[in-house]
Amino acid sequence: MGLELAMAGILIVAVAGWLLAGRLHGAWRSRAAAEQAQHVAEARMAALRRLAAGVAHDLNNQLTVLLGMLDLLAAHPADEREAAHIDRMQEAAERAASLTARLHGLTTPPAQPPRPVRLEAILPPLQPLLADALGDTVALEISLPAGLWPILADPAAVEWDLLTMVLAGQDASAGARRLRLAAANRPAGAGAGADTVRLALHAGSTLLRAQDFPRATDQAVSGTPIVLLVDDDEAVRSTTAEVLTERGYTVRAAGSGAAALALLESGVAVDVVVSDIAMPAMDGSEFADRLARSRPRLPVVFLTGGAVAGATMPLGKPFRAAELVARIEAALASVTTR
């Protein structure tokens, strides 16, 4: 009986050891496969980086010649029709130069020190490039909630991190047809030692990749300035918003002072306010007073025929786009010198 129990014990130990060894071997193989996949992804990104750098260099040379020749043609157009055609060609060439500059930035190792920047200024312009990298079979959705904190980072490094994240995520997604890149604030204590902003890539409910960026606080934020445009006239509001958007600003619009204050209280990021003065219910003066109490460092450009108490840099209507942009830039610059 004792011998049988001993043999049974040996058999149990042997089976358990065999099962444990099998599991350890399986875990080792899974880890080795993951490391190999990571190595392949890194090699792929390095090759892509070299290829993109060469393409960007050649395109920059060709665009330099093209823009130079267009400048020569623009100096002596044959007639108005030809001048209009040259203008359109110059605009197209400048857009191409902007895309090439972004491509070149993605291929150059980041060397700039971190600075405050908004993801709202980085992700939307980068989305077409990310979509091209993924190809036609994969759709990319980007989700940026209102009130997202600015981050402390080098924008070029963030762009490169995003491209790497999306391509690596595609490799790990097992053929997913739709990916979602979402940003979210993560207060200290919620799995992090300090306030961070998390970028996470999902395929359905599966988390593929995630990266945390430190929150930037108490500093002027670089990137595309965000304008809160306040005007009760819908035509003026929509036209001005389109003008500012064309000139590279991100615009959030409100039809009244009360609506603008509600937007600010919800945590929406804003760098400068552009507001009409003559508005019903809450005019520009009251709006400026309440704004000064809640956001004293937020610069304001008022649209009016004359100065108003509490207003800064009043701009008379009608105005040219260049005049409004100059006032906005002056207002933004005033924040950094306070």
Protein backbone atom coordinates (compact mmCIF):
# COMPACT_ATOMS: atom_id res chain seq x y z
CA MET A 1 0.00 0.00 0.00
CA GLY A 2 2.81 2.38 0.92
CA LEU A 3 4.56 1.59 -2.36
CA GLU A 4 1.39 2.32 -4.32
CA LEU A 5 0.95 5.67 -2.55
CA ALA A 6 4.57 6.53 -3.23
CA MET A 7 4.20 5.63 -6.91
CA ALA A 8 1.00 7.65 -7.13
CA GLY A 9 2.75 10.61 -5.53
CA ILE A 10 5.64 10.37 -7.97
CA LEU A 11 3.18 10.19 -10.87
CA ILE A 12 1.30 13.26 -9.64
CA VAL A 13 4.53 15.22 -9.23
CA ALA A 14 5.68 14.14 -12.69
CA VAL A 15 2.39 15.16 -14.32
CA ALA A 16 2.36 18.47 -12.47
CA GLY A 17 5.95 19.10 -13.50
CA TRP A 18 5.13 18.25 -17.09
CA LEU A 19 2.12 20.60 -17.09
CA LEU A 20 4.14 23.39 -15.46
CA ALA A 21 6.98 22.93 -17.93
CA GLY A 22 4.49 23.07 -20.79
CA ARG A 23 3.01 26.30 -19.49
CA LEU A 24 6.42 27.85 -18.93
CA HIS A 25 7.49 26.83 -22.42
CA GLY A 26 4.28 28.29 -23.87
CA ALA A 27 4.81 31.55 -21.97
CA TRP A 28 8.41 31.69 -23.14
CA ARG A 29 7.34 31.12 -26.73
CA SER A 30 4.66 33.83 -26.45
CA ARG A 31 7.17 36.27 -25.01
CA ALA A 32 9.73 35.39 -27.66
CA ALA A 33 7.11 35.86 -30.37
CA ALA A 34 6.11 39.23 -28.93
CA GLU A 35 9.74 40.35 -28.76
CA GLN A 36 10.30 39.20 -32.34
CA ALA A 37 7.19 41.09 -33.49
CA GLN A 38 8.42 44.20 -31.70
CA HIS A 39 11.82 43.85 -33.35
CA VAL A 40 10.20 43.48 -36.77
CA ALA A 41 8.01 46.54 -36.13
CA GLU A 42 11.04 48.62 -35.06
CA ALA A 43 12.99 47.53 -38.14
CA ARG A 44 10.01 48.38 -40.31
CA MET A 45 9.75 51.85 -38.79
CA ALA A 46 13.48 52.47 -39.23
CA ALA A 47 13.24 51.52 -42.91
CA LEU A 48 10.17 53.72 -43.34
CA ARG A 49 12.00 56.58 -41.67
CA ARG A 50 14.96 56.33 -44.04
CA LEU A 51 12.70 56.10 -47.08
CA ALA A 52 10.58 59.07 -46.00
CA ALA A 53 13.68 61.16 -45.31
CA GLY A 54 14.96 60.59 -48.83
CA VAL A 55 11.58 61.37 -50.39
CA ALA A 56 11.18 64.55 -48.32
CA HIS A 57 14.66 65.74 -49.30
CA ASP A 58 14.02 65.29 -53.03
CA LEU A 59 10.55 66.86 -52.84
CA ASN A 60 11.93 69.90 -51.01
CA ASN A 61 14.45 70.45 -53.81
CA GLN A 62 11.79 70.19 -56.51
CA LEU A 63 9.37 72.45 -54.63
CA THR A 64 12.11 75.05 -54.17
CA VAL A 65 12.52 75.24 -57.94
CA LEU A 66 8.77 75.27 -58.53
CA LEU A 67 8.05 78.05 -56.03
CA GLY A 68 10.96 80.09 -57.33
CA MET A 69 9.70 79.89 -60.91
CA LEU A 70 6.17 80.76 -59.82
CA ASP A 71 7.50 83.84 -57.99
CA LEU A 72 9.19 84.92 -61.22
CA LEU A 73 6.00 84.40 -63.21
CA ALA A 74 3.92 86.24 -60.59
CA ALA A 75 6.07 89.34 -60.96
CA HIS A 76 5.04 89.80 -64.61
CA PRO A 77 1.70 88.10 -65.37
CA ALA A 78 0.32 88.50 -68.87
CA ASP A 79 -3.17 89.34 -67.60
CA GLU A 80 -5.51 88.95 -64.62
CA ARG A 81 -6.52 85.44 -65.65
CA GLU A 82 -2.91 84.27 -65.70
CA ALA A 83 -2.25 85.99 -62.37
CA ALA A 84 -5.18 84.09 -60.82
CA HIS A 85 -3.84 80.80 -62.20
CA ILE A 86 -0.40 81.54 -60.76
CA ASP A 87 -1.94 82.32 -57.37
CA ARG A 88 -3.69 78.96 -57.30
CA MET A 89 -0.52 77.15 -58.33
CA GLN A 90 1.43 78.93 -55.58
CA GLU A 91 -1.18 77.95 -52.99
CA ALA A 92 -1.01 74.31 -54.12
CA ALA A 93 2.80 74.34 -54.04
CA GLU A 94 2.81 75.88 -50.54
CA ARG A 95 0.40 73.20 -49.29
CA ALA A 96 2.68 70.56 -50.77
CA ALA A 97 5.66 72.21 -49.05
CA SER A 98 3.78 72.12 -45.75
CA LEU A 99 3.10 68.38 -46.15
CA THR A 100 6.73 67.75 -47.04
CA ALA A 101 7.87 69.69 -43.98
CA ARG A 102 5.64 67.49 -41.82
CA LEU A 103 7.00 64.36 -43.48
CA HIS A 104 10.57 65.56 -42.92
CA GLY A 105 9.78 66.33 -39.28
CA LEU A 106 8.58 62.76 -38.79
CA THR A 107 11.85 61.39 -40.14
CA THR A 108 14.19 63.59 -38.11
CA PRO A 109 15.10 62.47 -34.56
CA PRO A 110 13.54 64.95 -32.14
CA ALA A 111 16.05 67.39 -30.69
CA GLN A 112 13.81 70.10 -29.25
CA PRO A 113 13.22 70.38 -25.49
CA PRO A 114 9.68 69.60 -24.31
CA ARG A 115 7.30 72.54 -24.29
CA PRO A 116 3.58 72.98 -23.65
CA VAL A 117 1.50 71.94 -26.64
CA ARG A 118 -2.08 70.89 -27.30
CA LEU A 119 -2.98 67.57 -28.87
CA GLU A 120 -5.79 69.44 -30.63
CA ALA A 121 -3.07 71.24 -32.58
CA ILE A 122 -1.20 68.04 -33.50
CA LEU A 123 -3.68 65.26 -34.17
CA PRO A 124 -6.20 66.70 -36.69
CA PRO A 125 -3.51 67.92 -39.15
CA LEU A 126 -1.66 64.60 -38.73
CA GLN A 127 -4.73 62.42 -39.38
CA PRO A 128 -4.41 62.35 -43.22
CA LEU A 129 -0.79 61.18 -42.93
CA LEU A 130 -1.75 58.48 -40.41
CA ALA A 131 -4.60 57.36 -42.67
CA ASP A 132 -2.21 57.10 -45.62
CA ALA A 133 0.19 55.04 -43.50
CA LEU A 134 -2.60 52.61 -42.55
CA GLY A 135 -3.83 52.20 -46.11
CA ASP A 136 -7.32 52.04 -47.58
CA THR A 137 -8.41 48.91 -45.68
CA VAL A 138 -8.18 50.44 -42.18
CA ALA A 139 -10.20 53.45 -40.99
CA LEU A 140 -8.80 55.60 -38.18
CA GLU A 141 -11.08 57.51 -35.83
CA ILE A 142 -9.64 60.22 -33.57
CA SER A 143 -11.44 61.23 -30.37
CA LEU A 144 -10.41 64.44 -28.55
CA PRO A 145 -12.78 65.39 -25.73
CA ALA A 146 -13.47 68.96 -24.69
CA GLY A 147 -11.33 70.23 -21.84
CA LEU A 148 -8.28 68.14 -22.74
CA TRP A 149 -5.19 69.31 -20.83
CA PRO A 150 -2.14 70.61 -22.69
CA ILE A 151 0.88 68.32 -22.52
CA LEU A 152 4.60 68.91 -22.04
CA ALA A 153 6.36 67.40 -25.05
CA ASP A 154 8.27 68.03 -28.25
CA PRO A 155 5.58 68.19 -30.99
CA ALA A 156 7.83 66.42 -33.52
CA ALA A 157 8.44 63.62 -31.02
CA VAL A 158 4.70 63.32 -30.37
CA GLU A 159 4.03 63.01 -34.11
CA TRP A 160 6.66 60.29 -34.44
CA ASP A 161 5.27 58.47 -31.36
CA LEU A 162 1.78 58.59 -32.88
CA LEU A 163 2.92 57.19 -36.22
CA THR A 164 4.82 54.41 -34.44
CA MET A 165 1.84 53.67 -32.19
CA VAL A 166 -0.63 53.47 -35.06
CA LEU A 167 1.54 51.22 -37.26
CA ALA A 168 2.50 48.94 -34.36
CA GLY A 169 -1.15 48.82 -33.32
CA GLN A 170 -2.17 47.84 -36.83
CA ASP A 171 0.29 44.93 -36.68
CA ALA A 172 -1.20 43.82 -33.35
CA SER A 173 -4.84 44.28 -34.32
CA ALA A 174 -5.25 40.95 -36.13
CA GLY A 175 -6.73 42.51 -39.25
CA ALA A 176 -9.08 45.02 -37.60
CA ARG A 177 -10.80 47.28 -40.15
CA ARG A 178 -11.29 50.23 -37.78
CA LEU A 179 -8.97 51.71 -35.15
CA ARG A 180 -9.78 54.44 -32.64
CA LEU A 181 -7.19 56.81 -31.17
CA ALA A 182 -8.59 58.50 -28.07
CA ALA A 183 -7.15 61.00 -25.61
CA ALA A 184 -8.19 61.42 -21.99
CA ASN A 185 -7.08 63.35 -18.92
CA ARG A 186 -5.70 61.15 -16.11
CA PRO A 187 -5.59 62.95 -12.76
CA ALA A 188 -2.87 62.08 -10.27
CA GLY A 189 -3.83 58.99 -8.29
CA ALA A 190 -5.78 57.40 -11.18
CA GLY A 191 -3.00 54.96 -11.93
CA ALA A 192 -0.43 57.75 -12.30
CA GLY A 193 1.81 59.64 -9.90
CA ALA A 194 1.07 62.99 -11.56
CA ASP A 195 -1.49 64.49 -13.91
CA THR A 196 -1.08 63.02 -17.39
CA VAL A 197 -2.89 62.87 -20.71
CA ARG A 198 -3.23 59.35 -22.09
CA LEU A 199 -3.37 58.50 -25.78
CA ALA A 200 -4.80 55.04 -26.32
CA LEU A 201 -5.28 53.06 -29.53
CA HIS A 202 -8.18 50.61 -29.61
CA ALA A 203 -9.57 48.04 -32.01
CA GLY A 204 -13.14 47.71 -30.79
CA SER A 205 -12.88 47.15 -27.03
CA THR A 206 -9.30 45.84 -27.24
CA LEU A 207 -6.53 48.17 -26.09
CA LEU A 208 -3.64 47.88 -28.54
CA ARG A 209 -1.23 50.59 -27.43
CA ALA A 210 -1.19 53.46 -24.91
CA GLN A 211 1.16 56.27 -24.01
CA ASP A 212 1.01 58.88 -21.24
CA PHE A 213 2.24 62.47 -21.60
CA PRO A 214 2.84 64.80 -18.64
CA ARG A 215 0.36 67.61 -18.19
CA ALA A 216 1.67 71.12 -18.88
CA THR A 217 0.57 73.70 -16.33
CA ASP A 218 1.00 77.43 -15.78
CA GLN A 219 2.74 78.03 -19.10
CA ALA A 220 1.78 79.53 -22.44
CA VAL A 221 0.75 76.71 -24.74
CA SER A 222 2.31 76.43 -28.20
CA GLY A 223 0.71 74.93 -31.27
CA THR A 224 -2.40 76.09 -33.10
CA PRO A 225 -4.03 78.84 -30.99
CA ILE A 226 -7.61 78.16 -29.97
CA VAL A 227 -9.96 81.13 -30.44
CA LEU A 228 -13.30 81.45 -28.67
CA LEU A 229 -15.39 83.54 -31.09
CA VAL A 230 -18.45 85.25 -29.54
CA ASP A 231 -20.97 87.04 -31.76
CA ASP A 232 -24.76 86.95 -31.82
CA ASP A 233 -24.90 87.53 -35.60
CA GLU A 234 -24.74 84.07 -37.19
CA ALA A 235 -23.48 85.35 -40.54
CA VAL A 236 -20.67 87.35 -38.94
CA ARG A 237 -19.84 84.46 -36.62
CA SER A 238 -19.65 81.81 -39.34
CA THR A 239 -17.72 84.03 -41.77
CA THR A 240 -15.19 85.10 -39.14
CA ALA A 241 -14.79 81.50 -37.99
CA GLU A 242 -14.06 80.39 -41.55
CA VAL A 243 -11.52 83.21 -42.02
CA LEU A 244 -9.68 82.27 -38.82
CA THR A 245 -9.77 78.55 -39.60
CA GLU A 246 -8.25 79.21 -43.02
CA ARG A 247 -5.41 81.03 -41.27
CA GLY A 248 -4.57 78.10 -39.03
CA TYR A 249 -6.57 78.82 -35.87
CA THR A 250 -8.83 76.37 -34.09
CA VAL A 251 -12.17 78.12 -33.55
CA ARG A 252 -14.85 77.46 -30.96
CA ALA A 253 -17.93 79.63 -31.51
CA ALA A 254 -20.67 80.89 -29.19
CA GLY A 255 -23.72 82.99 -30.01
CA SER A 256 -23.83 84.89 -26.72
CA GLY A 257 -21.77 85.85 -23.70
CA ALA A 258 -23.66 83.35 -21.56
CA ALA A 259 -22.96 80.53 -24.02
CA ALA A 260 -19.27 81.49 -24.10
CA LEU A 261 -19.01 81.46 -20.30
CA ALA A 262 -20.73 78.07 -20.20
CA LEU A 263 -18.17 76.72 -22.68
CA LEU A 264 -15.30 78.01 -20.55
CA GLU A 265 -16.81 76.59 -17.37
CA SER A 266 -17.05 73.16 -19.05
CA GLY A 267 -13.24 73.12 -19.29
CA VAL A 268 -12.88 73.80 -23.02
CA ALA A 269 -9.32 74.87 -23.86
CA VAL A 270 -9.09 78.48 -25.11
CA ASP A 271 -6.08 80.74 -25.76
CA VAL A 272 -7.82 83.99 -26.74
CA VAL A 273 -11.36 85.37 -26.93
CA VAL A 274 -12.68 87.40 -29.86
CA SER A 275 -16.00 88.95 -28.90
CA ASP A 276 -18.52 91.43 -30.25
CA ILE A 277 -19.62 94.13 -27.83
CA ALA A 278 -23.17 94.92 -28.95
CA MET A 279 -24.97 91.70 -28.00
CA PRO A 280 -28.41 91.22 -26.41
CA ALA A 281 -28.94 89.94 -22.85
CA MET A 282 -25.25 90.09 -21.88
CA ASP A 283 -23.28 92.76 -23.72
CA GLY A 284 -19.53 92.78 -24.20
CA SER A 285 -18.86 94.90 -21.12
CA GLU A 286 -20.62 92.49 -18.75
CA PHE A 287 -19.07 89.53 -20.49
CA ALA A 288 -15.61 91.08 -20.11
CA ASP A 289 -16.17 91.75 -16.38
CA ARG A 290 -17.31 88.19 -15.68
CA LEU A 291 -14.51 86.78 -17.80
CA ALA A 292 -11.93 88.86 -15.92
CA ARG A 293 -13.12 87.40 -12.62
CA SER A 294 -13.02 83.76 -13.76
CA ARG A 295 -10.11 83.81 -16.24
CA PRO A 296 -8.05 86.95 -15.56
CA ARG A 297 -5.12 85.89 -17.77
CA LEU A 298 -7.23 85.06 -20.83
CA PRO A 299 -6.69 87.80 -23.47
CA VAL A 300 -9.66 89.36 -25.23
CA VAL A 301 -9.99 91.10 -28.59
CA PHE A 302 -13.22 93.08 -28.88
CA LEU A 303 -14.95 93.86 -32.16
CA THR A 304 -16.40 97.36 -31.90
CA GLY A 305 -16.33 100.90 -33.18
CA GLY A 306 -14.76 102.23 -29.97
CA ALA A 307 -13.05 101.26 -26.74
CA VAL A 308 -14.99 99.79 -23.85
CA ALA A 309 -14.03 99.52 -20.17
CA GLY A 310 -12.44 96.15 -19.58
CA ALA A 311 -11.86 95.53 -23.27
CA THR A 312 -8.42 95.18 -24.78
CA MET A 313 -7.42 96.07 -28.31
CA PRO A 314 -10.86 97.01 -29.73
CA LEU A 315 -11.13 96.42 -33.47
CA GLY A 316 -13.69 98.34 -35.49
CA LYS A 317 -16.09 96.68 -37.87
CA PRO A 318 -15.79 96.12 -40.79
CA PHE A 319 -12.27 94.76 -40.62
CA ARG A 320 -9.86 92.92 -42.89
CA ALA A 321 -8.71 89.40 -42.03
CA ALA A 322 -5.11 90.57 -41.66
CA GLU A 323 -6.18 93.20 -39.11
CA LEU A 324 -7.99 90.64 -36.98
CA VAL A 325 -5.08 88.20 -37.12
CA ALA A 326 -2.66 90.96 -36.10
CA ARG A 327 -4.82 91.82 -33.06
CA ILE A 328 -5.12 88.17 -32.07
CA GLU A 329 -1.36 87.63 -32.30
CA ALA A 330 -0.72 90.78 -30.26
CA ALA A 331 -3.16 89.58 -27.60
CA LEU A 332 -1.48 86.17 -27.45
CA ALA A 333 1.95 87.79 -27.22
CA SER A 334 0.77 89.95 -24.31
CA VAL A 335 0.20 86.82 -22.21
CA THR A 336 3.82 85.70 -22.48
CA THR A 337 5.13 89.13 -21.40
CA ARG A 338 2.99 89.51 -18.28
